[in-house]
């Protein structure tokens, strides 16, 4: 059976193709259109998936959409009635869009599919799933577990904001949910908005800013904004929020509670902003731990599968793994809405065939390397078209040459194999650096990524070496777990350094791998496995042979406000438009000084 799964029309649209229970291809539309978080019908992504499978649309048994738009419209109407007459302005702005487009999404899907030019699609082949069930399916069915508890947390999907369930021998069931407007995702997004960052995009910034602050507002959040019960259920006090009735996340009551209006994006970050970020992060971790413990108590399962946007909070995930009751946690790498395309594909496959999906210890995401690949001929044609100067180097010379450049603190764009699915670059569309460099974090942020200086960078580490560097000895292939750097690798600050506060602490070296050690001595870890990415693993081995260090800085191959690169053209333009020193595409090596 062949199922084409789609997510679209809200944010981060994507397509995925499941054939006989295996993921053939998956990609986000933004990578092809170059529009970050593109929400349009994923025509280019769907076309890629069909081409990768070597089939036309007529060979697809079912097309699945990850959401039920009529239920979402029902929430919009009921929310307006509950708060009327407040919210009339936002309601009046939303209704025309719904009446014109979103109520008739089956028509939009049919038209989009027909626009692929591969023949008409019969409407009975287009099926819809529930938003949280799609998330849950994306977490359970590709996971290595036959049995697991399942946890979905996001802003909102139709009505649900948090869903708890189980996957057992191929049968996925969601038993309980917390409903809109009570949402830990919305609470975090409210602070994202209040701190001057973009909702659905800037939550990573809040998480990265949090360690520079102290949780001085955490008790105020617990007292006024959220009522968290011992069983993990919670309610928000909606008098402080505006997302049900207005076009902003927070309101005047929220401003008065925290003593100021929202920060403008152009305003400098102060210690107060850092303390707010730390406070909401602390409360979020409390909620995740409480829900996780309750879910374990209810199900008795040893393993946990997670999805939904909140599951991208790798700091909370790390605490849940270290302090929670589960033996193992598997998180869908495309935990946000894009991953819903895989989830609905698996949900339909299971419903129609009864196949149990994952289990047997095998991760069906296969490292998340599910996007397009480009052979050496395509790379050479692109570079020749740009008039680039490059060398073609065989592998035995390539890996030592790149390792030596990295050891000399060169910044390398690394473009290999199939593009990653999800928000993280995992060694195929990556920018790499030397983690031992005290200046590498600042260099990457300011001269390569063109983003805020406080943003941390992640280490890619040989799986066999991870316990030598971090307080974790397990798999973290998708960069979704944070763990402390080992105590013996930490550097004691001088009295002058210890007296620093806020962002003044940014450039203090905190370990012998300072470029990836965050201000709280933590790191967002990617374990690199020989079986899923042999080329990246080999590069790490060569870097270790050169330096004695089995770790590299790994950040996504893009600059601020752009999607991760997809094609050789994207990679070359990004390389030339930034201060990267070297670009490696397959076996082609470009040095900036020669261009």
Protein backbone atom coordinates (compact mmCIF):
# COMPACT_ATOMS: atom_id res chain seq x y z
CA UNK A 1 0.00 0.00 0.00
CA UNK A 2 1.17 3.52 -0.86
CA UNK A 3 0.02 6.55 1.15
CA UNK A 4 0.95 10.19 0.48
CA UNK A 5 0.68 12.18 3.72
CA UNK A 6 0.27 15.94 3.66
CA UNK A 7 0.36 18.79 6.18
CA UNK A 8 -0.46 22.31 5.02
CA UNK A 9 -2.37 25.59 5.37
CA UNK A 10 -1.31 26.52 8.93
CA UNK A 11 2.50 26.53 9.06
CA UNK A 12 5.37 24.30 8.01
CA UNK A 13 3.67 22.34 5.23
CA UNK A 14 5.20 19.03 4.17
CA UNK A 15 4.69 15.81 2.28
CA UNK A 16 5.70 12.23 3.08
CA UNK A 17 5.29 8.98 1.18
CA UNK A 18 4.80 5.66 2.98
CA UNK A 19 5.09 2.46 0.93
CA UNK A 20 4.32 -0.87 2.63
CA UNK A 21 5.06 0.65 6.03
CA UNK A 22 8.41 2.22 5.10
CA UNK A 23 9.08 5.93 4.70
CA UNK A 24 10.32 6.41 1.15
CA UNK A 25 10.60 10.21 1.26
CA UNK A 26 9.60 13.24 3.31
CA UNK A 27 10.32 16.94 2.90
CA UNK A 28 9.06 20.37 3.91
CA UNK A 29 7.77 22.73 1.26
CA UNK A 30 9.93 25.61 2.54
CA UNK A 31 13.10 23.85 1.36
CA UNK A 32 11.95 24.08 -2.26
CA UNK A 33 10.19 27.47 -2.28
CA UNK A 34 12.81 29.11 0.00
CA UNK A 35 9.97 30.69 2.03
CA UNK A 36 10.58 29.94 5.70
CA UNK A 37 7.70 28.01 7.33
CA UNK A 38 5.84 27.98 4.00
CA UNK A 39 2.22 27.02 4.72
CA UNK A 40 0.95 26.62 1.15
CA UNK A 41 -0.08 23.32 -0.44
CA UNK A 42 3.19 21.31 -0.56
CA UNK A 43 3.24 20.83 -4.33
CA UNK A 44 7.02 20.68 -4.71
CA UNK A 45 7.46 18.43 -1.69
CA UNK A 46 4.72 16.08 -2.92
CA UNK A 47 6.23 15.98 -6.41
CA UNK A 48 9.62 15.16 -4.93
CA UNK A 49 8.14 12.31 -2.85
CA UNK A 50 6.48 10.77 -5.91
CA UNK A 51 9.66 11.10 -7.96
CA UNK A 52 11.74 9.53 -5.19
CA UNK A 53 9.32 6.60 -5.11
CA UNK A 54 9.41 6.37 -8.92
CA UNK A 55 5.63 6.53 -9.24
CA UNK A 56 2.86 8.81 -10.41
CA UNK A 57 -0.13 9.99 -8.43
CA UNK A 58 -2.23 7.22 -9.97
CA UNK A 59 -0.17 4.64 -8.05
CA UNK A 60 -1.03 6.21 -4.69
CA UNK A 61 -3.77 4.31 -2.84
CA UNK A 62 -4.66 7.11 -0.43
CA UNK A 63 -3.76 10.73 0.24
CA UNK A 64 -4.00 11.70 3.91
CA UNK A 65 -4.31 15.14 5.47
CA UNK A 66 -3.10 15.47 9.05
CA UNK A 67 -5.95 17.60 10.43
CA UNK A 68 -9.76 17.91 10.47
CA UNK A 69 -10.47 21.51 9.45
CA UNK A 70 -14.17 21.34 10.34
CA UNK A 71 -13.31 20.60 13.97
CA UNK A 72 -10.92 23.53 14.01
CA UNK A 73 -13.67 25.76 12.61
CA UNK A 74 -15.97 24.45 15.33
CA UNK A 75 -13.38 25.55 17.92
CA UNK A 76 -13.21 29.01 16.34
CA UNK A 77 -17.00 29.41 16.51
CA UNK A 78 -17.37 28.07 20.04
CA UNK A 79 -14.50 30.21 21.30
CA UNK A 80 -16.08 33.33 19.83
CA UNK A 81 -19.47 32.49 21.38
CA UNK A 82 -17.83 31.85 24.75
CA UNK A 83 -16.06 35.22 24.76
CA UNK A 84 -18.53 37.36 22.78
CA UNK A 85 -18.71 40.25 22.25
CA UNK A 86 -14.94 40.32 22.87
CA UNK A 87 -12.97 39.04 19.93
CA UNK A 88 -15.21 40.46 17.23
CA UNK A 89 -12.25 42.05 15.41
CA UNK A 90 -10.21 38.86 15.22
CA UNK A 91 -13.32 36.81 14.43
CA UNK A 92 -14.20 39.14 11.58
CA UNK A 93 -10.65 38.83 10.25
CA UNK A 94 -10.63 35.03 10.43
CA UNK A 95 -14.08 34.18 9.08
CA UNK A 96 -13.54 35.32 5.45
CA UNK A 97 -10.41 33.18 5.22
CA UNK A 98 -12.26 30.18 6.57
CA UNK A 99 -15.31 30.66 4.37
CA UNK A 100 -13.18 31.22 1.28
CA UNK A 101 -10.55 28.53 1.84
CA UNK A 102 -10.23 26.48 4.98
CA UNK A 103 -13.77 25.09 5.18
CA UNK A 104 -13.22 23.64 1.75
CA UNK A 105 -9.79 22.16 2.25
CA UNK A 106 -10.76 18.98 0.45
CA UNK A 107 -11.20 21.14 -2.63
CA UNK A 108 -7.85 22.81 -2.01
CA UNK A 109 -6.18 19.43 -1.61
CA UNK A 110 -7.85 18.03 -4.73
CA UNK A 111 -6.89 21.11 -6.77
CA UNK A 112 -3.34 21.01 -5.45
CA UNK A 113 -2.95 17.33 -6.26
CA UNK A 114 -4.46 17.77 -9.72
CA UNK A 115 -2.05 20.66 -10.24
CA UNK A 116 0.85 18.21 -10.02
CA UNK A 117 0.00 17.30 -13.62
CA UNK A 118 -0.22 13.56 -12.96
CA UNK A 119 -3.89 13.05 -13.62
CA UNK A 120 -7.04 13.68 -11.57
CA UNK A 121 -7.40 12.39 -8.02
CA UNK A 122 -10.66 10.81 -6.87
CA UNK A 123 -12.09 12.53 -3.80
CA UNK A 124 -12.76 9.24 -2.03
CA UNK A 125 -9.00 8.63 -1.95
CA UNK A 126 -8.46 11.79 0.15
CA UNK A 127 -8.76 11.02 3.88
CA UNK A 128 -8.48 13.23 6.97
CA UNK A 129 -7.00 12.45 10.37
CA UNK A 130 -7.21 14.13 13.76
CA UNK A 131 -4.33 16.53 14.41
CA UNK A 132 -3.11 14.92 17.63
CA UNK A 133 -3.64 11.39 16.34
CA UNK A 134 -1.41 12.29 13.38
CA UNK A 135 1.24 13.57 15.80
CA UNK A 136 0.89 10.45 17.95
CA UNK A 137 1.17 8.16 14.91
CA UNK A 138 4.31 10.01 13.78
CA UNK A 139 5.83 9.27 17.19
CA UNK A 140 4.76 5.65 17.75
CA UNK A 141 4.77 3.91 14.37
CA UNK A 142 8.31 4.88 13.26
CA UNK A 143 9.71 4.32 16.76
CA UNK A 144 11.75 1.25 17.77
CA UNK A 145 9.17 0.31 20.43
CA UNK A 146 6.49 -2.39 20.22
CA UNK A 147 4.92 -0.91 23.37
CA UNK A 148 5.15 2.64 24.63
CA UNK A 149 3.31 5.45 26.33
CA UNK A 150 2.55 8.26 23.87
CA UNK A 151 2.55 11.98 24.69
CA UNK A 152 1.57 14.82 22.34
CA UNK A 153 1.93 18.48 23.41
CA UNK A 154 1.60 21.52 21.16
CA UNK A 155 -0.23 24.84 20.87
CA UNK A 156 -3.52 23.38 19.70
CA UNK A 157 -4.78 20.86 17.18
CA UNK A 158 -8.54 21.14 16.54
CA UNK A 159 -9.45 21.14 20.28
CA UNK A 160 -6.66 19.13 21.94
CA UNK A 161 -3.52 20.78 23.33
CA UNK A 162 -2.12 17.78 25.22
CA UNK A 163 -2.95 14.14 24.51
CA UNK A 164 -1.94 11.02 26.45
CA UNK A 165 -2.14 7.48 25.15
CA UNK A 166 -0.45 4.20 24.38
CA UNK A 167 0.89 2.25 21.47
CA UNK A 168 0.75 -1.47 22.04
CA UNK A 169 1.53 -4.09 19.42
CA UNK A 170 0.56 -1.74 16.62
CA UNK A 171 -2.63 -0.41 18.22
CA UNK A 172 -2.46 3.33 18.95
CA UNK A 173 -4.99 4.81 21.36
CA UNK A 174 -5.27 8.29 22.88
CA UNK A 175 -7.03 8.03 26.24
CA UNK A 176 -7.10 11.53 27.64
CA UNK A 177 -6.59 15.13 26.55
CA UNK A 178 -6.36 18.70 27.78
CA UNK A 179 -8.37 21.06 25.60
CA UNK A 180 -8.04 24.56 24.25
CA UNK A 181 -7.55 27.25 25.53
CA UNK A 182 -5.49 25.52 28.23
CA UNK A 183 -2.18 24.83 26.51
CA UNK A 184 1.43 24.63 27.65
CA UNK A 185 2.42 25.38 24.06
CA UNK A 186 0.32 28.55 24.08
CA UNK A 187 1.79 29.58 27.43
CA UNK A 188 5.32 29.26 26.02
CA UNK A 189 4.31 31.09 22.84
CA UNK A 190 2.77 33.87 24.93
CA UNK A 191 6.15 34.50 26.54
CA UNK A 192 7.82 34.17 23.12
CA UNK A 193 5.57 37.00 21.92
CA UNK A 194 6.04 39.04 25.11
CA UNK A 195 9.84 38.76 24.81
CA UNK A 196 9.73 40.20 21.29
CA UNK A 197 10.24 37.03 19.27
CA UNK A 198 8.06 35.60 16.52
CA UNK A 199 5.48 33.00 17.59
CA UNK A 200 5.94 29.55 15.99
CA UNK A 201 9.54 30.48 15.18
CA UNK A 202 11.17 32.19 18.16
CA UNK A 203 10.46 29.58 20.84
CA UNK A 204 14.00 28.23 20.30
CA UNK A 205 15.31 31.68 21.19
CA UNK A 206 13.44 31.70 24.49
CA UNK A 207 14.89 28.29 25.33
CA UNK A 208 18.40 29.47 24.40
CA UNK A 209 18.03 32.72 26.37
CA UNK A 210 16.71 31.02 29.52
CA UNK A 211 20.05 29.88 31.04
CA UNK A 212 21.25 33.50 31.19
CA UNK A 213 18.46 34.32 33.65
CA UNK A 214 17.11 33.22 37.00
CA UNK A 215 13.58 31.83 37.56
CA UNK A 216 12.52 34.85 39.60
CA UNK A 217 9.06 34.98 37.96
CA UNK A 218 8.36 31.24 38.11
CA UNK A 219 6.27 31.45 41.29
CA UNK A 220 4.30 34.35 39.84
CA UNK A 221 3.54 32.26 36.75
CA UNK A 222 2.47 29.34 38.93
CA UNK A 223 0.34 31.57 41.17
CA UNK A 224 -1.36 33.65 38.48
CA UNK A 225 -1.13 32.05 35.05
CA UNK A 226 -1.27 28.27 35.43
CA UNK A 227 -2.87 25.92 37.91
CA UNK A 228 -0.82 22.71 37.67
CA UNK A 229 -2.27 19.69 39.47
CA UNK A 230 -0.23 16.75 40.78
CA UNK A 231 -1.67 14.52 38.03
CA UNK A 232 -0.24 16.78 35.33
CA UNK A 233 -3.54 18.38 34.36
CA UNK A 234 -3.58 22.17 34.29
CA UNK A 235 -5.63 25.24 33.52
CA UNK A 236 -4.57 28.70 32.43
CA UNK A 237 -6.16 31.87 33.80
CA UNK A 238 -7.41 33.35 30.55
CA UNK A 239 -7.81 36.88 31.89
CA UNK A 240 -4.09 37.37 31.13
CA UNK A 241 -4.13 36.08 27.54
CA UNK A 242 -5.48 37.47 24.30
CA UNK A 243 -5.19 34.58 21.85
CA UNK A 244 -8.86 33.59 22.18
CA UNK A 245 -10.22 37.03 21.38
CA UNK A 246 -7.51 39.16 19.78
CA UNK A 247 -4.62 39.27 17.37
CA UNK A 248 -1.91 39.13 20.06
CA UNK A 249 -0.92 36.46 22.57
CA UNK A 250 -1.05 38.59 25.73
CA UNK A 251 -3.01 41.60 26.96
CA UNK A 252 -2.84 44.56 29.32
CA UNK A 253 -3.42 42.42 32.40
CA UNK A 254 -0.35 40.36 31.46
CA UNK A 255 1.65 43.57 30.99
CA UNK A 256 0.61 44.84 34.42
CA UNK A 257 1.42 41.50 36.03
CA UNK A 258 5.00 41.60 34.71
CA UNK A 259 5.44 45.34 34.93
CA UNK A 260 5.92 46.43 31.30
CA UNK A 261 4.53 46.11 27.77
CA UNK A 262 5.92 43.48 25.40
CA UNK A 263 9.49 43.96 24.25
CA UNK A 264 9.86 45.31 20.72
CA UNK A 265 12.10 43.21 18.48
CA UNK A 266 14.52 46.13 18.11
CA UNK A 267 14.91 46.68 21.85
CA UNK A 268 17.96 45.30 23.67
CA UNK A 269 17.58 42.22 25.84
CA UNK A 270 17.89 42.96 29.55
CA UNK A 271 18.33 40.78 32.61
CA UNK A 272 14.56 41.01 33.17
CA UNK A 273 13.93 39.41 29.76
CA UNK A 274 16.39 36.64 30.55
CA UNK A 275 14.69 36.02 33.90
CA UNK A 276 11.29 35.82 32.19
CA UNK A 277 12.65 33.28 29.69
CA UNK A 278 14.17 31.19 32.49
CA UNK A 279 10.95 31.35 34.47
CA UNK A 280 8.62 30.11 31.72
CA UNK A 281 11.16 27.43 30.81
CA UNK A 282 11.22 26.24 34.44
CA UNK A 283 7.42 26.08 34.60
CA UNK A 284 7.26 24.25 31.27
CA UNK A 285 9.70 21.66 32.58
CA UNK A 286 7.51 21.24 35.68
CA UNK A 287 4.49 20.56 33.47
CA UNK A 288 6.32 18.08 31.21
CA UNK A 289 7.68 16.18 34.20
CA UNK A 290 4.28 16.07 35.92
CA UNK A 291 2.51 14.83 32.80
CA UNK A 292 5.23 12.28 32.09
CA UNK A 293 5.05 10.84 35.61
CA UNK A 294 1.28 10.63 35.50
CA UNK A 295 1.35 8.97 32.07
CA UNK A 296 3.80 6.38 33.38
CA UNK A 297 1.63 5.75 36.43
CA UNK A 298 -1.46 5.27 34.25
CA UNK A 299 0.11 3.04 31.62
CA UNK A 300 2.97 1.24 33.34
CA UNK A 301 4.95 1.46 30.12
CA UNK A 302 8.76 1.64 30.25
CA UNK A 303 9.15 3.53 26.96
CA UNK A 304 7.78 6.90 25.85
CA UNK A 305 7.13 8.34 22.37
CA UNK A 306 6.68 12.10 21.95
CA UNK A 307 5.57 14.53 19.27
CA UNK A 308 4.00 17.98 18.93
CA UNK A 309 5.78 21.33 19.00
CA UNK A 310 6.48 21.22 22.75
CA UNK A 311 8.44 18.00 22.16
CA UNK A 312 11.06 20.19 20.44
CA UNK A 313 11.89 21.65 23.86
CA UNK A 314 15.05 19.59 24.22
CA UNK A 315 15.83 20.98 27.70
CA UNK A 316 12.53 19.64 29.06
CA UNK A 317 13.10 16.37 27.19
CA UNK A 318 16.52 15.97 28.79
CA UNK A 319 15.09 16.46 32.26
CA UNK A 320 12.28 14.00 31.57
CA UNK A 321 14.83 11.38 30.51
CA UNK A 322 17.11 12.00 33.50
CA UNK A 323 14.50 12.57 36.22
CA UNK A 324 11.39 10.90 34.89
CA UNK A 325 10.24 7.32 35.23
CA UNK A 326 10.80 6.10 31.65
CA UNK A 327 13.71 3.89 30.63
CA UNK A 328 13.83 5.26 27.09
CA UNK A 329 12.32 8.16 25.15
CA UNK A 330 11.93 8.40 21.35
CA UNK A 331 10.95 11.78 19.92
CA UNK A 332 9.75 12.32 16.34
CA UNK A 333 12.50 14.52 14.82
CA UNK A 334 9.91 16.51 12.86
CA UNK A 335 7.81 16.90 16.00
CA UNK A 336 5.95 19.98 14.73
CA UNK A 337 3.24 20.07 12.09
CA UNK A 338 5.55 18.87 9.31
CA UNK A 339 5.79 15.50 11.02
CA UNK A 340 2.02 15.19 10.83
CA UNK A 341 2.49 14.23 7.17
CA UNK A 342 4.36 11.09 8.26
CA UNK A 343 1.84 10.48 11.03
CA UNK A 344 -1.26 10.53 8.83
CA UNK A 345 0.55 8.33 6.32
CA UNK A 346 1.25 5.72 8.98
CA UNK A 347 -2.22 6.05 10.53
CA UNK A 348 -3.89 5.28 7.19
CA UNK A 349 -1.44 2.48 6.43
CA UNK A 350 -2.17 0.83 9.77
CA UNK A 351 -5.94 1.34 9.52
CA UNK A 352 -6.08 -0.25 6.07
CA UNK A 353 -3.55 -3.07 6.53
CA UNK A 354 -3.28 -3.75 10.28
CA UNK A 355 0.52 -3.63 10.00
CA UNK A 356 2.01 -2.77 13.39
CA UNK A 357 4.52 -0.24 12.08
CA UNK A 358 7.63 0.05 14.25
CA UNK A 359 9.14 -2.08 16.93
CA UNK A 360 11.88 -4.70 16.87
CA UNK A 361 14.37 -2.04 17.93
CA UNK A 362 14.41 -0.39 14.49
CA UNK A 363 14.02 3.36 14.03
CA UNK A 364 12.06 3.77 10.78
CA UNK A 365 13.03 7.44 10.48
CA UNK A 366 16.51 6.14 9.53
CA UNK A 367 18.26 9.21 10.85
CA UNK A 368 15.66 11.53 9.23
CA UNK A 369 17.65 11.53 5.97
CA UNK A 370 14.52 11.48 3.81
CA UNK A 371 14.90 14.45 1.46
CA UNK A 372 16.49 14.95 -1.96
CA UNK A 373 20.06 13.92 -2.80
CA UNK A 374 22.18 15.26 -5.66
CA UNK A 375 24.88 13.24 -7.41
CA UNK A 376 28.34 14.54 -8.22
CA UNK A 377 27.38 15.35 -11.81
CA UNK A 378 24.57 17.64 -10.59
CA UNK A 379 26.93 19.32 -8.12
CA UNK A 380 29.57 19.87 -10.82
CA UNK A 381 27.02 21.28 -13.28
CA UNK A 382 25.83 23.75 -10.66
CA UNK A 383 29.33 24.87 -9.74
CA UNK A 384 30.36 25.18 -13.37
CA UNK A 385 27.26 27.28 -14.01
CA UNK A 386 28.35 29.67 -11.28
CA UNK A 387 31.94 29.75 -12.52
CA UNK A 388 33.12 28.37 -9.18
CA UNK A 389 36.65 27.13 -8.56
CA UNK A 390 36.75 23.74 -6.92
CA UNK A 391 38.65 20.46 -6.60
CA UNK A 392 37.23 16.97 -6.92
CA UNK A 393 38.93 14.91 -4.21
CA UNK A 394 38.60 11.18 -3.51
CA UNK A 395 37.41 10.12 -0.07
CA UNK A 396 40.85 9.10 1.22
CA UNK A 397 42.06 12.67 0.72
CA UNK A 398 38.74 14.47 1.33
CA UNK A 399 38.11 13.56 4.96
CA UNK A 400 41.63 14.33 6.30
CA UNK A 401 41.66 17.60 4.34
CA UNK A 402 38.35 18.76 5.81
CA UNK A 403 39.34 17.58 9.30
CA UNK A 404 42.57 19.57 9.10
CA UNK A 405 40.69 22.69 7.97
CA UNK A 406 38.27 22.32 10.89
CA UNK A 407 41.19 21.86 13.30
CA UNK A 408 42.57 25.16 12.00
CA UNK A 409 39.28 26.84 13.02
CA UNK A 410 37.89 27.04 9.49
CA UNK A 411 34.10 27.06 9.14
CA UNK A 412 32.91 24.39 6.71
CA UNK A 413 29.63 24.02 4.84
CA UNK A 414 28.98 20.26 4.60
CA UNK A 415 26.52 19.14 1.89
CA UNK A 416 26.13 15.37 1.52
CA UNK A 417 23.51 12.78 0.59
CA UNK A 418 19.82 13.17 1.39
CA UNK A 419 18.48 16.30 3.08
CA UNK A 420 17.17 15.97 6.62
CA UNK A 421 13.44 16.05 7.42
CA UNK A 422 12.58 18.28 10.38
CA UNK A 423 14.03 21.47 11.84
CA UNK A 424 17.54 20.13 12.57
CA UNK A 425 20.54 19.66 10.29
CA UNK A 426 22.01 16.30 11.22
CA UNK A 427 25.18 16.12 9.16
CA UNK A 428 23.97 16.29 5.56
CA UNK A 429 23.04 19.99 5.32
CA UNK A 430 25.30 21.31 8.09
CA UNK A 431 27.74 24.08 8.93
CA UNK A 432 30.60 22.65 10.99
CA UNK A 433 33.23 24.09 13.31
CA UNK A 434 35.80 23.20 15.96
CA UNK A 435 34.17 22.89 19.41
CA UNK A 436 37.50 23.54 21.16
CA UNK A 437 37.63 27.12 19.83
CA UNK A 438 36.78 29.86 22.34
CA UNK A 439 35.71 32.19 19.52
CA UNK A 440 33.70 29.75 17.39
CA UNK A 441 30.25 30.43 18.92
CA UNK A 442 30.57 34.18 18.43
CA UNK A 443 32.00 33.74 14.93
CA UNK A 444 29.21 31.42 13.82
CA UNK A 445 26.44 33.59 15.24
CA UNK A 446 27.65 36.96 14.03
CA UNK A 447 29.53 36.22 10.79
CA UNK A 448 27.95 33.04 9.46
CA UNK A 449 24.38 32.75 10.77
CA UNK A 450 23.78 36.51 11.29
CA UNK A 451 21.67 35.88 14.39
CA UNK A 452 21.54 36.74 18.08
CA UNK A 453 24.85 36.24 19.87
CA UNK A 454 23.34 34.26 22.76
CA UNK A 455 22.09 31.38 20.58
CA UNK A 456 23.87 28.14 21.53
CA UNK A 457 25.29 25.56 19.14
CA UNK A 458 24.95 21.81 19.27
CA UNK A 459 27.67 19.16 19.37
CA UNK A 460 27.72 16.25 16.95
CA UNK A 461 29.58 13.48 18.74
CA UNK A 462 30.59 9.96 17.81
CA UNK A 463 28.01 7.68 19.43
CA UNK A 464 30.77 5.54 20.89
CA UNK A 465 32.35 8.62 22.54
CA UNK A 466 29.28 10.40 23.89
CA UNK A 467 29.75 9.34 27.52
CA UNK A 468 33.31 10.73 27.48
CA UNK A 469 31.96 14.25 26.98
CA UNK A 470 28.40 14.36 28.36
CA UNK A 471 26.38 12.99 31.26
CA UNK A 472 24.41 10.68 28.99
CA UNK A 473 25.20 7.24 27.60
CA UNK A 474 22.43 6.62 25.13
CA UNK A 475 21.25 7.53 21.67
CA UNK A 476 20.28 11.09 20.77
CA UNK A 477 20.39 11.00 16.96
CA UNK A 478 17.97 13.87 16.39
CA UNK A 479 19.48 16.59 18.57
CA UNK A 480 16.40 16.59 20.82
CA UNK A 481 17.97 15.91 24.22
CA UNK A 482 20.01 18.28 26.36
CA UNK A 483 22.52 16.85 28.82
CA UNK A 484 25.25 18.36 31.01
CA UNK A 485 28.88 18.41 29.93
CA UNK A 486 30.85 16.05 32.17
CA UNK A 487 32.14 17.73 35.31
CA UNK A 488 35.78 16.88 34.64
CA UNK A 489 35.63 18.73 31.32
CA UNK A 490 34.32 21.92 32.88
CA UNK A 491 36.57 24.91 33.49
CA UNK A 492 36.44 26.82 36.74
CA UNK A 493 35.75 30.52 36.07
CA UNK A 494 38.03 33.21 37.41
CA UNK A 495 36.58 35.45 40.16
CA UNK A 496 36.08 38.19 37.55
CA UNK A 497 34.22 35.77 35.24
CA UNK A 498 32.09 34.42 38.08
CA UNK A 499 30.96 37.97 38.90
CA UNK A 500 29.54 38.53 35.40
CA UNK A 501 25.78 38.56 34.79
CA UNK A 502 23.47 38.09 31.83
CA UNK A 503 24.94 38.21 28.35
CA UNK A 504 28.26 39.38 29.77
CA UNK A 505 28.79 35.68 30.52
CA UNK A 506 28.52 34.81 26.83
CA UNK A 507 32.21 34.66 25.95
CA UNK A 508 33.42 32.87 29.08
CA UNK A 509 34.88 29.46 28.23
CA UNK A 510 33.09 26.92 30.41
CA UNK A 511 34.75 23.66 29.34
CA UNK A 512 37.41 22.21 27.05
CA UNK A 513 34.75 22.21 24.29
CA UNK A 514 33.56 25.81 24.86
CA UNK A 515 31.87 26.38 21.50
CA UNK A 516 29.09 23.90 22.36
CA UNK A 517 28.94 24.33 26.15
CA UNK A 518 26.02 26.57 27.06
CA UNK A 519 26.14 29.01 29.96
CA UNK A 520 24.60 26.39 32.29
CA UNK A 521 27.17 23.73 31.21
CA UNK A 522 24.61 21.93 29.05
CA UNK A 523 24.61 20.91 25.39
CA UNK A 524 21.98 19.81 22.87
CA UNK A 525 23.46 16.52 21.74
CA UNK A 526 23.46 14.71 18.42
CA UNK A 527 24.96 11.23 18.53
CA UNK A 528 26.37 10.25 15.11
CA UNK A 529 25.99 6.61 14.12
CA UNK A 530 28.03 4.80 11.50
CA UNK A 531 25.03 2.86 10.18
CA UNK A 532 22.79 5.90 9.52
CA UNK A 533 25.41 8.45 8.37
CA UNK A 534 28.73 6.78 7.52
CA UNK A 535 30.22 9.88 5.85
CA UNK A 536 29.57 12.21 8.77
CA UNK A 537 30.78 9.51 11.15
CA UNK A 538 33.99 9.17 9.12
CA UNK A 539 34.59 12.92 9.20
CA UNK A 540 34.26 12.88 12.99
CA UNK A 541 36.71 9.98 13.17
CA UNK A 542 39.19 11.92 11.04
CA UNK A 543 38.76 15.03 13.18
CA UNK A 544 39.38 12.89 16.25
CA UNK A 545 42.52 11.45 14.66
CA UNK A 546 43.69 15.00 13.91
CA UNK A 547 42.83 16.57 17.27
CA UNK A 548 41.96 13.85 19.77
CA UNK A 549 38.39 15.27 19.95
CA UNK A 550 35.42 13.23 18.66
CA UNK A 551 33.05 16.21 18.63
CA UNK A 552 32.17 18.91 16.07
CA UNK A 553 29.98 21.99 16.22
CA UNK A 554 26.98 21.23 14.01
CA UNK A 555 24.50 23.94 13.03
CA UNK A 556 21.99 24.14 10.21
CA UNK A 557 23.20 25.15 6.75
CA UNK A 558 21.34 28.44 6.39
CA UNK A 559 21.47 32.05 7.50
CA UNK A 560 18.93 33.89 9.60
CA UNK A 561 15.34 33.90 8.31
CA UNK A 562 16.10 31.41 5.52
CA UNK A 563 15.22 27.70 5.36
CA UNK A 564 17.95 25.07 5.49
CA UNK A 565 19.53 24.62 2.06
CA UNK A 566 18.16 21.90 -0.18
CA UNK A 567 19.96 22.01 -3.52
CA UNK A 568 23.56 22.65 -4.62
CA UNK A 569 22.42 26.08 -5.85
CA UNK A 570 21.11 26.92 -2.37
CA UNK A 571 24.34 25.74 -0.75
CA UNK A 572 26.61 27.70 -3.09
CA UNK A 573 24.63 30.93 -2.66
CA UNK A 574 24.64 30.55 1.14
CA UNK A 575 28.39 29.84 1.10
CA UNK A 576 29.14 32.90 -1.00
CA UNK A 577 26.76 35.12 0.97
CA UNK A 578 28.35 34.36 4.34
CA UNK A 579 31.86 34.17 5.77
CA UNK A 580 32.23 30.40 5.57
CA UNK A 581 35.77 29.33 4.68
CA UNK A 582 35.10 26.06 2.87
CA UNK A 583 32.22 24.31 1.12
CA UNK A 584 32.19 20.54 0.61
CA UNK A 585 29.50 19.11 -1.66
CA UNK A 586 29.97 15.40 -2.12
CA UNK A 587 33.60 15.22 -3.19
CA UNK A 588 33.78 18.79 -4.49
CA UNK A 589 35.81 21.14 -2.27
CA UNK A 590 35.57 24.92 -2.57
CA UNK A 591 37.79 27.30 -0.61
CA UNK A 592 36.45 30.83 -0.19
CA UNK A 593 39.86 32.41 -0.83
CA UNK A 594 39.90 30.93 -4.34
CA UNK A 595 36.48 32.16 -5.42
